Amino acid sequence: MKKTVLYTFALAAIFLFIGSGCVFAQSDTLRISKLELAKKKKHNFRNLSRDSTILVYIDTLIMKDRSSLHFFGNKDIELHVNQAEIGKRAFIDLRANENNAANMDAFINFNKLGSLFILANGLDAHNGTKTFPNGDGGIVNLHYNDKGIKPQSSNKKENNYLEINIEPGGQRVNPNAEISQIYSQIARAPRGLRGLPQGQVYSGSEGKKGKKSVQPIQEN
């Protein structure tokens, strides 16, 4: 009887986490039968294991307009979606650590595709604070089922639009503005070295640009 109660409690806890819109990946594989996101809603995948790779299998993925998937803390992501219905201006955000984007191999069968944006760009460093350098873009390989919808990247106003951002961090850094801001920070601080930034003073080096590919896969 006691084992039955504990088992029931464990199942309830699992469904509570999934229903809250946040999945904590304690193993390297997640299997989800159906994930449906309402308009502007988001779903987070956070890794609590030491494994830097996560595999996600979703049988049915429904993303309404402006909904989003967010991956945090994994360097490499493998995503399989058997049936995908994507609205307009949906996006997938890929974040590793230290301002770097994550890498992703995605295998998706699009039944509907409004517009999807995959964000695998490096983030900018916050100069003058405790921070990491400008981040690197990720490596994104998207494989779509050729019996479903074929994504296009030529016209974002049309349906079936796909955009993958793999740009490096640090492209918008202005040396004069950054250094002036740090000087101002020091001038406003109390006397002594307490006004000096506790991180890098300035890093003008961009991160590395990522790579991307979009290609069909054929069903046997």
N, C-alpha and C. Protein backbone atom coordinates (compact mmCIF):
# COMPACT_ATOMS: atom_id res chain seq x y z
N MET A 1 0.83 -1.20 0.00
CA MET A 1 0.00 0.00 0.00
C MET A 1 0.87 1.25 0.00
N LYS A 2 1.92 1.22 0.81
CA LYS A 2 2.81 2.38 0.91
C LYS A 2 3.51 2.62 -0.42
N LYS A 3 3.92 1.53 -1.11
CA LYS A 3 4.59 1.68 -2.39
C LYS A 3 3.65 2.28 -3.43
N THR A 4 2.38 1.87 -3.38
CA THR A 4 1.39 2.41 -4.33
C THR A 4 1.20 3.90 -4.15
N VAL A 5 1.16 4.36 -2.90
CA VAL A 5 0.99 5.78 -2.61
C VAL A 5 2.19 6.57 -3.08
N LEU A 6 3.39 6.06 -2.84
CA LEU A 6 4.60 6.75 -3.27
C LEU A 6 4.68 6.83 -4.79
N TYR A 7 4.30 5.74 -5.46
CA TYR A 7 4.32 5.72 -6.92
C TYR A 7 3.34 6.74 -7.50
N THR A 8 2.14 6.81 -6.90
CA THR A 8 1.14 7.77 -7.35
C THR A 8 1.62 9.20 -7.15
N PHE A 9 2.27 9.45 -6.02
CA PHE A 9 2.79 10.78 -5.73
C PHE A 9 3.87 11.17 -6.74
N ALA A 10 4.74 10.22 -7.08
CA ALA A 10 5.80 10.50 -8.04
C ALA A 10 5.24 10.85 -9.41
N LEU A 11 4.21 10.11 -9.85
CA LEU A 11 3.59 10.42 -11.14
C LEU A 11 2.95 11.80 -11.14
N ALA A 12 2.30 12.14 -10.03
CA ALA A 12 1.66 13.46 -9.93
C ALA A 12 2.69 14.56 -10.00
N ALA A 13 3.86 14.38 -9.37
CA ALA A 13 4.92 15.39 -9.41
C ALA A 13 5.44 15.59 -10.81
N ILE A 14 5.59 14.48 -11.58
CA ILE A 14 6.07 14.58 -12.95
C ILE A 14 5.11 15.38 -13.80
N PHE A 15 3.81 15.06 -13.72
CA PHE A 15 2.82 15.79 -14.52
C PHE A 15 2.71 17.24 -14.10
N LEU A 16 2.96 17.54 -12.83
CA LEU A 16 2.93 18.93 -12.37
C LEU A 16 4.02 19.74 -13.03
N PHE A 17 5.24 19.18 -13.14
CA PHE A 17 6.33 19.88 -13.80
C PHE A 17 6.04 20.10 -15.27
N ILE A 18 5.50 19.06 -15.96
CA ILE A 18 5.22 19.20 -17.38
C ILE A 18 4.12 20.23 -17.61
N GLY A 19 3.09 20.21 -16.76
CA GLY A 19 1.99 21.15 -16.91
C GLY A 19 2.38 22.57 -16.63
N SER A 20 3.43 22.79 -15.86
CA SER A 20 3.85 24.15 -15.53
C SER A 20 4.61 24.82 -16.66
N GLY A 21 4.90 24.07 -17.73
CA GLY A 21 5.60 24.66 -18.87
C GLY A 21 7.10 24.66 -18.72
N CYS A 22 7.64 23.86 -17.82
CA CYS A 22 9.08 23.81 -17.63
C CYS A 22 9.50 22.37 -17.38
N VAL A 23 10.39 21.86 -18.21
CA VAL A 23 10.87 20.49 -18.04
C VAL A 23 12.33 20.54 -17.61
N PHE A 24 12.66 19.86 -16.51
CA PHE A 24 14.02 19.77 -16.04
C PHE A 24 14.58 18.42 -16.48
N ALA A 25 15.54 18.44 -17.37
CA ALA A 25 16.08 17.20 -17.93
C ALA A 25 17.16 16.64 -17.02
N GLN A 26 16.81 15.64 -16.21
CA GLN A 26 17.78 15.03 -15.33
C GLN A 26 18.46 13.84 -16.00
N SER A 27 17.97 13.42 -17.13
CA SER A 27 18.64 12.41 -17.92
C SER A 27 18.89 13.01 -19.29
N ASP A 28 19.51 12.24 -20.19
CA ASP A 28 19.86 12.81 -21.48
C ASP A 28 18.78 12.59 -22.53
N THR A 29 17.63 12.01 -22.15
CA THR A 29 16.57 11.75 -23.11
C THR A 29 15.21 12.11 -22.52
N LEU A 30 14.41 12.85 -23.32
CA LEU A 30 13.05 13.20 -22.94
C LEU A 30 12.11 12.73 -24.04
N ARG A 31 10.99 12.13 -23.65
CA ARG A 31 9.98 11.69 -24.61
C ARG A 31 8.64 12.32 -24.22
N ILE A 32 8.06 13.07 -25.15
CA ILE A 32 6.81 13.78 -24.88
C ILE A 32 5.81 13.41 -25.98
N SER A 33 4.65 12.91 -25.59
CA SER A 33 3.66 12.49 -26.59
C SER A 33 3.03 13.69 -27.29
N LYS A 34 2.68 14.73 -26.52
CA LYS A 34 2.08 15.92 -27.12
C LYS A 34 2.47 17.15 -26.33
N LEU A 35 2.93 18.17 -27.02
CA LEU A 35 3.26 19.45 -26.40
C LEU A 35 2.56 20.54 -27.20
N GLU A 36 1.62 21.22 -26.55
CA GLU A 36 0.85 22.26 -27.20
C GLU A 36 1.02 23.57 -26.46
N LEU A 37 1.44 24.60 -27.18
CA LEU A 37 1.67 25.92 -26.61
C LEU A 37 0.67 26.92 -27.17
N ALA A 38 -0.03 27.60 -26.27
CA ALA A 38 -0.98 28.62 -26.68
C ALA A 38 -0.23 29.86 -27.19
N LYS A 39 -0.95 30.81 -27.72
CA LYS A 39 -0.36 32.02 -28.26
C LYS A 39 0.50 32.74 -27.21
N LYS A 40 1.74 33.05 -27.58
CA LYS A 40 2.72 33.78 -26.77
C LYS A 40 3.22 32.99 -25.55
N LYS A 41 2.86 31.74 -25.42
CA LYS A 41 3.33 30.94 -24.30
C LYS A 41 4.70 30.34 -24.62
N LYS A 42 5.45 30.02 -23.58
CA LYS A 42 6.77 29.45 -23.76
C LYS A 42 6.94 28.18 -22.94
N HIS A 43 7.86 27.35 -23.39
CA HIS A 43 8.16 26.10 -22.72
C HIS A 43 9.67 26.01 -22.55
N ASN A 44 10.12 25.76 -21.33
CA ASN A 44 11.55 25.74 -21.02
C ASN A 44 12.06 24.32 -20.81
N PHE A 45 13.21 24.05 -21.38
CA PHE A 45 13.95 22.82 -21.10
C PHE A 45 15.24 23.22 -20.38
N ARG A 46 15.37 22.81 -19.14
CA ARG A 46 16.58 23.11 -18.36
C ARG A 46 17.24 21.80 -17.95
N ASN A 47 18.53 21.72 -18.19
CA ASN A 47 19.26 20.50 -17.87
C ASN A 47 19.85 20.55 -16.47
N LEU A 48 19.52 19.55 -15.65
CA LEU A 48 20.08 19.47 -14.30
C LEU A 48 21.14 18.38 -14.19
N SER A 49 21.36 17.63 -15.25
CA SER A 49 22.38 16.59 -15.21
C SER A 49 23.71 17.16 -15.65
N ARG A 50 24.75 16.37 -15.53
CA ARG A 50 26.07 16.82 -15.96
C ARG A 50 26.30 16.57 -17.44
N ASP A 51 25.37 15.89 -18.07
CA ASP A 51 25.50 15.60 -19.49
C ASP A 51 25.25 16.87 -20.29
N SER A 52 26.14 17.17 -21.24
CA SER A 52 25.99 18.39 -22.03
C SER A 52 25.12 18.17 -23.26
N THR A 53 24.61 16.94 -23.43
CA THR A 53 23.78 16.62 -24.58
C THR A 53 22.39 16.21 -24.12
N ILE A 54 21.37 16.66 -24.84
CA ILE A 54 20.00 16.27 -24.53
C ILE A 54 19.30 15.84 -25.81
N LEU A 55 18.54 14.74 -25.73
CA LEU A 55 17.73 14.25 -26.84
C LEU A 55 16.27 14.41 -26.47
N VAL A 56 15.51 15.06 -27.34
CA VAL A 56 14.09 15.30 -27.09
C VAL A 56 13.28 14.71 -28.23
N TYR A 57 12.35 13.82 -27.88
CA TYR A 57 11.44 13.21 -28.84
C TYR A 57 10.02 13.70 -28.55
N ILE A 58 9.41 14.37 -29.52
CA ILE A 58 8.04 14.87 -29.36
C ILE A 58 7.20 14.29 -30.49
N ASP A 59 6.16 13.58 -30.14
CA ASP A 59 5.31 12.98 -31.17
C ASP A 59 4.49 14.07 -31.88
N THR A 60 3.81 14.93 -31.11
CA THR A 60 3.01 16.02 -31.68
C THR A 60 3.39 17.34 -31.03
N LEU A 61 3.84 18.29 -31.82
CA LEU A 61 4.20 19.63 -31.32
C LEU A 61 3.31 20.65 -31.99
N ILE A 62 2.56 21.39 -31.18
CA ILE A 62 1.70 22.46 -31.67
C ILE A 62 2.15 23.77 -31.04
N MET A 63 2.57 24.71 -31.86
CA MET A 63 3.02 26.01 -31.39
C MET A 63 2.16 27.10 -32.05
N LYS A 64 1.36 27.77 -31.25
CA LYS A 64 0.54 28.85 -31.77
C LYS A 64 1.41 30.09 -32.03
N ASP A 65 0.79 31.15 -32.55
CA ASP A 65 1.53 32.36 -32.92
C ASP A 65 2.34 32.89 -31.74
N ARG A 66 3.62 33.21 -32.01
CA ARG A 66 4.54 33.84 -31.06
C ARG A 66 4.84 32.98 -29.83
N SER A 67 4.58 31.71 -29.91
CA SER A 67 4.98 30.82 -28.81
C SER A 67 6.45 30.42 -29.01
N SER A 68 7.05 29.81 -27.98
CA SER A 68 8.49 29.58 -28.05
C SER A 68 8.94 28.39 -27.22
N LEU A 69 10.02 27.76 -27.68
CA LEU A 69 10.74 26.72 -26.94
C LEU A 69 12.09 27.28 -26.55
N HIS A 70 12.50 27.05 -25.30
CA HIS A 70 13.78 27.55 -24.81
C HIS A 70 14.60 26.41 -24.24
N PHE A 71 15.83 26.28 -24.73
CA PHE A 71 16.76 25.28 -24.22
C PHE A 71 17.88 26.00 -23.49
N PHE A 72 18.14 25.58 -22.24
CA PHE A 72 19.17 26.21 -21.42
C PHE A 72 20.16 25.16 -20.89
N GLY A 73 21.43 25.46 -20.98
CA GLY A 73 22.44 24.67 -20.27
C GLY A 73 22.98 23.46 -20.99
N ASN A 74 22.51 23.19 -22.21
CA ASN A 74 23.03 22.07 -22.98
C ASN A 74 23.85 22.58 -24.14
N LYS A 75 24.98 21.94 -24.37
CA LYS A 75 25.81 22.34 -25.50
C LYS A 75 25.28 21.78 -26.80
N ASP A 76 24.77 20.55 -26.76
CA ASP A 76 24.28 19.88 -27.96
C ASP A 76 22.86 19.38 -27.73
N ILE A 77 21.98 19.63 -28.71
CA ILE A 77 20.57 19.26 -28.62
C ILE A 77 20.20 18.47 -29.86
N GLU A 78 19.50 17.37 -29.65
CA GLU A 78 18.94 16.61 -30.77
C GLU A 78 17.43 16.57 -30.58
N LEU A 79 16.71 17.10 -31.54
CA LEU A 79 15.26 17.25 -31.43
C LEU A 79 14.58 16.48 -32.55
N HIS A 80 13.64 15.61 -32.18
CA HIS A 80 12.86 14.84 -33.14
C HIS A 80 11.38 15.19 -32.94
N VAL A 81 10.72 15.62 -34.01
CA VAL A 81 9.29 15.94 -33.94
C VAL A 81 8.59 15.19 -35.06
N ASN A 82 7.69 14.30 -34.68
CA ASN A 82 7.00 13.47 -35.66
C ASN A 82 5.94 14.25 -36.43
N GLN A 83 5.20 15.12 -35.73
CA GLN A 83 4.17 15.96 -36.36
C GLN A 83 4.26 17.36 -35.76
N ALA A 84 4.49 18.36 -36.59
CA ALA A 84 4.64 19.73 -36.09
C ALA A 84 3.65 20.66 -36.78
N GLU A 85 2.94 21.45 -35.97
CA GLU A 85 2.04 22.49 -36.47
C GLU A 85 2.51 23.81 -35.86
N ILE A 86 3.12 24.65 -36.68
CA ILE A 86 3.77 25.87 -36.20
C ILE A 86 3.02 27.09 -36.72
N GLY A 87 2.64 28.00 -35.83
CA GLY A 87 1.96 29.22 -36.21
C GLY A 87 2.94 30.28 -36.72
N LYS A 88 2.54 31.53 -36.62
CA LYS A 88 3.36 32.63 -37.11
C LYS A 88 4.26 33.17 -36.00
N ARG A 89 5.50 33.48 -36.37
CA ARG A 89 6.50 34.12 -35.50
C ARG A 89 6.76 33.29 -34.24
N ALA A 90 6.76 31.98 -34.39
CA ALA A 90 7.20 31.11 -33.31
C ALA A 90 8.73 31.04 -33.34
N PHE A 91 9.34 30.73 -32.19
CA PHE A 91 10.79 30.63 -32.21
C PHE A 91 11.32 29.61 -31.22
N ILE A 92 12.52 29.14 -31.51
CA ILE A 92 13.25 28.20 -30.65
C ILE A 92 14.56 28.88 -30.26
N ASP A 93 14.80 29.00 -28.96
CA ASP A 93 15.98 29.69 -28.45
C ASP A 93 16.96 28.66 -27.91
N LEU A 94 18.21 28.70 -28.38
CA LEU A 94 19.22 27.71 -28.02
C LEU A 94 20.33 28.39 -27.25
N ARG A 95 20.42 28.13 -25.94
CA ARG A 95 21.41 28.77 -25.08
C ARG A 95 22.25 27.73 -24.38
N ALA A 96 23.55 27.79 -24.58
CA ALA A 96 24.48 26.94 -23.84
C ALA A 96 24.94 27.72 -22.61
N ASN A 97 26.23 27.85 -22.41
CA ASN A 97 26.77 28.61 -21.29
C ASN A 97 27.77 29.63 -21.79
N GLU A 98 28.11 30.59 -20.94
CA GLU A 98 29.16 31.57 -21.20
C GLU A 98 28.90 32.37 -22.48
N ASN A 99 27.66 32.82 -22.66
CA ASN A 99 27.25 33.64 -23.81
C ASN A 99 27.23 32.90 -25.14
N ASN A 100 27.49 31.60 -25.14
CA ASN A 100 27.52 30.83 -26.38
C ASN A 100 26.14 30.23 -26.67
N ALA A 101 25.85 30.06 -27.96
CA ALA A 101 24.64 29.36 -28.36
C ALA A 101 24.89 27.86 -28.32
N ALA A 102 23.81 27.10 -28.22
CA ALA A 102 23.90 25.65 -28.28
C ALA A 102 23.86 25.19 -29.73
N ASN A 103 24.32 23.97 -29.95
CA ASN A 103 24.22 23.33 -31.26
C ASN A 103 22.95 22.48 -31.29
N MET A 104 22.35 22.34 -32.48
CA MET A 104 21.14 21.54 -32.57
C MET A 104 21.05 20.79 -33.89
N ASP A 105 20.72 19.50 -33.80
CA ASP A 105 20.30 18.70 -34.94
C ASP A 105 18.81 18.45 -34.77
N ALA A 106 18.00 18.93 -35.71
CA ALA A 106 16.55 18.81 -35.60
C ALA A 106 16.01 17.99 -36.78
N PHE A 107 15.09 17.09 -36.48
CA PHE A 107 14.44 16.26 -37.48
C PHE A 107 12.93 16.48 -37.32
N ILE A 108 12.32 17.23 -38.24
CA ILE A 108 10.95 17.70 -38.05
C ILE A 108 10.10 17.41 -39.28
N ASN A 109 8.90 16.92 -39.02
CA ASN A 109 7.90 16.77 -40.07
C ASN A 109 6.88 17.90 -39.90
N PHE A 110 6.92 18.88 -40.80
CA PHE A 110 6.03 20.03 -40.71
C PHE A 110 4.69 19.73 -41.39
N ASN A 111 3.64 19.67 -40.60
CA ASN A 111 2.29 19.59 -41.17
C ASN A 111 1.74 20.99 -41.46
N LYS A 112 2.21 21.97 -40.69
CA LYS A 112 1.84 23.37 -40.86
C LYS A 112 3.02 24.22 -40.44
N LEU A 113 3.30 25.26 -41.21
CA LEU A 113 4.41 26.14 -40.87
C LEU A 113 4.08 27.57 -41.29
N GLY A 114 3.84 28.42 -40.28
CA GLY A 114 3.66 29.84 -40.56
C GLY A 114 5.03 30.47 -40.72
N SER A 115 5.68 30.76 -39.60
CA SER A 115 7.07 31.24 -39.63
C SER A 115 7.76 30.81 -38.34
N LEU A 116 8.96 30.28 -38.48
CA LEU A 116 9.74 29.77 -37.35
C LEU A 116 11.12 30.39 -37.37
N PHE A 117 11.54 30.91 -36.22
CA PHE A 117 12.85 31.52 -36.07
C PHE A 117 13.65 30.70 -35.06
N ILE A 118 14.81 30.23 -35.46
CA ILE A 118 15.71 29.49 -34.57
C ILE A 118 16.85 30.41 -34.19
N LEU A 119 16.96 30.71 -32.89
CA LEU A 119 17.95 31.66 -32.39
C LEU A 119 19.14 30.90 -31.83
N ALA A 120 20.20 30.85 -32.61
CA ALA A 120 21.44 30.20 -32.19
C ALA A 120 22.59 31.18 -32.30
N ASN A 121 22.32 32.44 -31.98
CA ASN A 121 23.31 33.50 -32.06
C ASN A 121 24.07 33.64 -30.75
N GLY A 122 25.32 34.07 -30.83
CA GLY A 122 26.09 34.34 -29.62
C GLY A 122 25.62 35.63 -28.98
N LEU A 123 25.74 35.71 -27.66
CA LEU A 123 25.31 36.91 -26.93
C LEU A 123 26.48 37.86 -26.73
N ASP A 124 26.16 39.14 -26.55
CA ASP A 124 27.18 40.16 -26.31
C ASP A 124 27.69 40.07 -24.88
N ALA A 125 28.98 40.36 -24.71
CA ALA A 125 29.55 40.47 -23.37
C ALA A 125 29.08 41.77 -22.72
N HIS A 126 28.96 41.75 -21.40
CA HIS A 126 28.61 42.96 -20.66
C HIS A 126 29.91 43.53 -20.08
N ASN A 127 30.56 44.34 -20.87
CA ASN A 127 31.87 44.86 -20.47
C ASN A 127 31.77 45.72 -19.23
N GLY A 128 32.78 45.59 -18.36
CA GLY A 128 32.80 46.35 -17.12
C GLY A 128 32.16 45.62 -15.96
N THR A 129 31.67 44.42 -16.18
CA THR A 129 31.08 43.61 -15.11
C THR A 129 31.68 42.21 -15.16
N LYS A 130 31.33 41.40 -14.18
CA LYS A 130 31.78 40.02 -14.20
C LYS A 130 31.02 39.29 -15.30
N THR A 131 31.72 38.95 -16.35
CA THR A 131 31.03 38.39 -17.51
C THR A 131 31.97 37.48 -18.29
N PHE A 132 31.41 36.85 -19.30
CA PHE A 132 32.19 36.05 -20.23
C PHE A 132 32.36 36.83 -21.52
N PRO A 133 33.31 36.43 -22.37
CA PRO A 133 33.52 37.14 -23.64
C PRO A 133 32.31 37.03 -24.56
N ASN A 134 32.37 37.77 -25.67
CA ASN A 134 31.31 37.68 -26.66
C ASN A 134 31.14 36.23 -27.11
N GLY A 135 29.88 35.80 -27.22
CA GLY A 135 29.61 34.39 -27.44
C GLY A 135 29.70 33.95 -28.89
N ASP A 136 29.83 32.64 -29.07
CA ASP A 136 29.89 32.02 -30.40
C ASP A 136 28.49 31.62 -30.86
N GLY A 137 28.27 31.69 -32.17
CA GLY A 137 27.03 31.17 -32.73
C GLY A 137 27.04 29.65 -32.73
N GLY A 138 25.88 29.05 -32.82
CA GLY A 138 25.78 27.60 -32.77
C GLY A 138 25.83 26.95 -34.15
N ILE A 139 25.85 25.64 -34.14
CA ILE A 139 25.79 24.84 -35.37
C ILE A 139 24.41 24.20 -35.42
N VAL A 140 23.62 24.58 -36.41
CA VAL A 140 22.23 24.11 -36.51
C VAL A 140 22.03 23.38 -37.84
N ASN A 141 21.62 22.14 -37.73
CA ASN A 141 21.28 21.33 -38.90
C ASN A 141 19.81 20.94 -38.79
N LEU A 142 18.99 21.46 -39.67
CA LEU A 142 17.57 21.15 -39.65
C LEU A 142 17.23 20.22 -40.82
N HIS A 143 16.64 19.08 -40.47
CA HIS A 143 16.23 18.09 -41.46
C HIS A 143 14.70 18.03 -41.45
N TYR A 144 14.08 18.26 -42.60
CA TYR A 144 12.62 18.25 -42.67
C TYR A 144 12.16 17.07 -43.53
N ASN A 145 11.00 16.53 -43.19
CA ASN A 145 10.43 15.43 -43.96
C ASN A 145 9.96 15.94 -45.32
N ASP A 146 10.47 15.37 -46.38
CA ASP A 146 10.15 15.89 -47.71
C ASP A 146 8.72 15.56 -48.15
N LYS A 147 7.99 14.74 -47.37
CA LYS A 147 6.58 14.48 -47.66
C LYS A 147 5.67 15.49 -46.96
N GLY A 148 6.27 16.30 -46.08
CA GLY A 148 5.52 17.36 -45.42
C GLY A 148 5.80 18.70 -46.09
N ILE A 149 5.70 19.77 -45.33
CA ILE A 149 5.93 21.12 -45.85
C ILE A 149 7.42 21.40 -45.95
N LYS A 150 7.82 22.00 -47.06
CA LYS A 150 9.21 22.40 -47.26
C LYS A 150 9.40 23.84 -46.80
N PRO A 151 10.29 24.10 -45.84
CA PRO A 151 10.53 25.47 -45.39
C PRO A 151 11.17 26.32 -46.49
N GLN A 152 10.86 27.62 -46.46
CA GLN A 152 11.50 28.56 -47.38
C GLN A 152 12.08 29.71 -46.58
N SER A 153 13.14 30.33 -47.08
CA SER A 153 13.81 31.41 -46.35
C SER A 153 13.95 32.67 -47.18
N SER A 154 13.20 32.77 -48.27
CA SER A 154 13.34 33.92 -49.17
C SER A 154 12.37 35.06 -48.86
N ASN A 155 11.20 34.75 -48.29
CA ASN A 155 10.20 35.79 -48.05
C ASN A 155 9.53 35.56 -46.70
N LYS A 156 9.87 36.38 -45.72
CA LYS A 156 9.34 36.20 -44.37
C LYS A 156 7.87 36.59 -44.25
N LYS A 157 7.32 37.25 -45.27
CA LYS A 157 5.91 37.61 -45.23
C LYS A 157 5.01 36.47 -45.71
N GLU A 158 5.62 35.47 -46.31
CA GLU A 158 4.87 34.32 -46.80
C GLU A 158 4.91 33.18 -45.77
N ASN A 159 4.00 32.23 -45.92
CA ASN A 159 3.99 31.06 -45.05
C ASN A 159 5.20 30.16 -45.32
N ASN A 160 5.41 29.23 -44.42
CA ASN A 160 6.49 28.24 -44.52
C ASN A 160 7.88 28.88 -44.38
N TYR A 161 7.93 30.02 -43.68
CA TYR A 161 9.21 30.74 -43.56
C TYR A 161 10.04 30.19 -42.40
N LEU A 162 11.32 30.01 -42.65
CA LEU A 162 12.27 29.54 -41.64
C LEU A 162 13.50 30.43 -41.66
N GLU A 163 13.89 30.90 -40.47
CA GLU A 163 15.11 31.71 -40.35
C GLU A 163 15.95 31.17 -39.21
N ILE A 164 17.25 31.00 -39.47
CA ILE A 164 18.18 30.48 -38.46
C ILE A 164 19.26 31.53 -38.25
N ASN A 165 19.35 32.04 -37.03
CA ASN A 165 20.34 33.08 -36.70
C ASN A 165 21.54 32.43 -36.02
N ILE A 166 22.70 32.51 -36.66
CA ILE A 166 23.92 31.91 -36.12
C ILE A 166 25.03 32.96 -35.98
N GLU A 167 24.63 34.24 -35.91
CA GLU A 167 25.62 35.32 -35.85
C GLU A 167 26.36 35.31 -34.51
N PRO A 168 27.60 35.77 -34.50
CA PRO A 168 28.38 35.82 -33.25
C PRO A 168 27.99 37.01 -32.39
N GLY A 169 28.32 36.95 -31.13
CA GLY A 169 28.14 38.08 -30.25
C GLY A 169 29.24 39.11 -30.45
N GLY A 170 28.96 40.36 -30.08
CA GLY A 170 29.97 41.41 -30.16
C GLY A 170 29.95 42.21 -31.43
N GLN A 171 28.98 41.99 -32.31
CA GLN A 171 28.95 42.75 -33.56
C GLN A 171 28.53 44.19 -33.36
N ARG A 172 27.78 44.43 -32.29
CA ARG A 172 27.27 45.79 -32.06
C ARG A 172 28.10 46.56 -31.03
N VAL A 173 29.27 46.01 -30.67
CA VAL A 173 30.10 46.65 -29.66
C VAL A 173 30.75 47.91 -30.22
N ASN A 174 30.62 49.00 -29.49
CA ASN A 174 31.25 50.26 -29.87
C ASN A 174 32.34 50.58 -28.83
N PRO A 175 33.61 50.50 -29.21
CA PRO A 175 34.68 50.69 -28.22
C PRO A 175 34.60 52.01 -27.49
N ASN A 176 34.36 53.11 -28.19
CA ASN A 176 34.33 54.42 -27.54
C ASN A 176 33.22 54.51 -26.51
N ALA A 177 32.04 54.00 -26.88
CA ALA A 177 30.91 54.06 -25.96
C ALA A 177 31.14 53.17 -24.74
N GLU A 178 31.70 51.99 -24.96
CA GLU A 178 31.94 51.06 -23.85
C GLU A 178 32.95 51.64 -22.86
N ILE A 179 34.05 52.16 -23.38
CA ILE A 179 35.09 52.68 -22.50
C ILE A 179 34.62 53.94 -21.79
N SER A 180 33.85 54.78 -22.47
CA SER A 180 33.30 55.97 -21.82
C SER A 180 32.38 55.59 -20.67
N GLN A 181 31.60 54.54 -20.88
CA GLN A 181 30.70 54.07 -19.83
C GLN A 181 31.49 53.57 -18.62
N ILE A 182 32.59 52.87 -18.87
CA ILE A 182 33.41 52.35 -17.77
C ILE A 182 34.09 53.51 -17.02
N TYR A 183 34.59 54.49 -17.75
CA TYR A 183 35.18 55.67 -17.09
C TYR A 183 34.15 56.36 -16.21
N SER A 184 32.94 56.48 -16.71
CA SER A 184 31.87 57.10 -15.93
C SER A 184 31.57 56.29 -14.67
N GLN A 185 31.60 54.98 -14.80
CA GLN A 185 31.36 54.10 -13.65
C GLN A 185 32.43 54.31 -12.58
N ILE A 186 33.68 54.45 -13.01
CA ILE A 186 34.78 54.67 -12.07
C ILE A 186 34.65 56.04 -11.42
N ALA A 187 34.28 57.07 -12.21
CA ALA A 187 34.18 58.42 -11.67
C ALA A 187 33.10 58.55 -10.61
N ARG A 188 32.02 57.78 -10.74
CA ARG A 188 30.92 57.87 -9.77
C ARG A 188 31.17 57.03 -8.53
N ALA A 189 32.16 56.17 -8.58
CA ALA A 189 32.41 55.25 -7.46
C ALA A 189 33.21 55.95 -6.37
N PRO A 190 33.20 55.42 -5.14
CA PRO A 190 34.04 55.97 -4.06
C PRO A 190 35.51 55.92 -4.41
N ARG A 191 36.32 56.63 -3.66
CA ARG A 191 37.75 56.67 -3.95
C ARG A 191 38.38 55.29 -3.79
N GLY A 192 39.52 55.14 -4.45
CA GLY A 192 40.22 53.87 -4.37
C GLY A 192 39.88 53.00 -5.56
N LEU A 193 40.22 51.75 -5.45
CA LEU A 193 40.04 50.82 -6.55
C LEU A 193 38.64 50.21 -6.59
N ARG A 194 37.78 50.61 -5.67
CA ARG A 194 36.46 50.00 -5.64
C ARG A 194 35.62 50.35 -6.86
N GLY A 195 36.01 51.42 -7.55
CA GLY A 195 35.24 51.81 -8.72
C GLY A 195 35.64 51.09 -9.99
N LEU A 196 36.74 50.34 -9.94
CA LEU A 196 37.17 49.62 -11.13
C LEU A 196 36.24 48.46 -11.42
N PRO A 197 35.98 48.18 -12.68
CA PRO A 197 35.13 47.04 -13.03
C PRO A 197 35.68 45.74 -12.47
N GLN A 198 34.79 44.87 -12.06
CA GLN A 198 35.21 43.60 -11.48
C GLN A 198 35.30 42.49 -12.53
N GLY A 199 35.24 42.86 -13.78
CA GLY A 199 35.40 41.87 -14.85
C GLY A 199 36.31 42.43 -15.91
N GLN A 200 36.12 42.00 -17.17
CA GLN A 200 36.94 42.53 -18.24
C GLN A 200 36.57 43.99 -18.48
N VAL A 201 37.56 44.81 -18.79
CA VAL A 201 37.30 46.21 -19.06
C VAL A 201 36.69 46.37 -20.45
N TYR A 202 37.30 45.73 -21.43
CA TYR A 202 36.72 45.81 -22.77
C TYR A 202 37.27 44.67 -23.61
N SER A 203 36.40 44.04 -24.38
CA SER A 203 36.81 43.00 -25.31
C SER A 203 36.16 43.30 -26.65
N GLY A 204 36.95 43.74 -27.60
CA GLY A 204 36.41 44.09 -28.91
C GLY A 204 36.33 42.92 -29.86
N SER A 205 36.75 41.74 -29.43
CA SER A 205 36.76 40.58 -30.32
C SER A 205 35.37 39.95 -30.42
N GLU A 206 34.92 39.77 -31.64
CA GLU A 206 33.65 39.09 -31.84
C GLU A 206 33.80 37.60 -31.52
N GLY A 207 32.66 36.97 -31.24
CA GLY A 207 32.67 35.52 -31.12
C GLY A 207 32.79 34.89 -32.51
N LYS A 208 32.67 33.58 -32.56
CA LYS A 208 32.76 32.87 -33.84
C LYS A 208 31.36 32.69 -34.43
N LYS A 209 31.26 32.90 -35.72
CA LYS A 209 29.99 32.67 -36.39
C LYS A 209 29.71 31.18 -36.48
N GLY A 210 28.45 30.80 -36.32
CA GLY A 210 28.09 29.39 -36.38
C GLY A 210 27.90 28.90 -37.80
N LYS A 211 27.29 27.74 -37.93
CA LYS A 211 27.01 27.15 -39.23
C LYS A 211 25.57 26.64 -39.24
N LYS A 212 24.98 26.58 -40.43
CA LYS A 212 23.61 26.10 -40.52
C LYS A 212 23.39 25.35 -41.83
N SER A 213 22.45 24.44 -41.80
CA SER A 213 22.06 23.72 -43.01
C SER A 213 20.59 23.32 -42.89
N VAL A 214 19.89 23.31 -44.01
CA VAL A 214 18.50 22.88 -44.07
C VAL A 214 18.38 21.91 -45.24
N GLN A 215 17.99 20.68 -44.94
CA GLN A 215 17.94 19.69 -46.00
C GLN A 215 16.84 18.67 -45.73
N PRO A 216 16.32 18.04 -46.79
CA PRO A 216 15.22 17.09 -46.60
C PRO A 216 15.72 15.72 -46.15
N ILE A 217 14.83 14.99 -45.51
CA ILE A 217 15.06 13.59 -45.22
C ILE A 217 13.92 12.80 -45.84
N GLN A 218 14.22 11.67 -46.35
CA GLN A 218 13.22 10.88 -47.04
C GLN A 218 12.76 9.73 -46.16
N GLU A 219 11.45 9.54 -46.14
CA GLU A 219 10.91 8.40 -45.42
C GLU A 219 11.10 7.13 -46.24
N ASN A 220 11.38 6.05 -45.53
CA ASN A 220 11.52 4.77 -46.21
C ASN A 220 10.14 4.21 -46.57
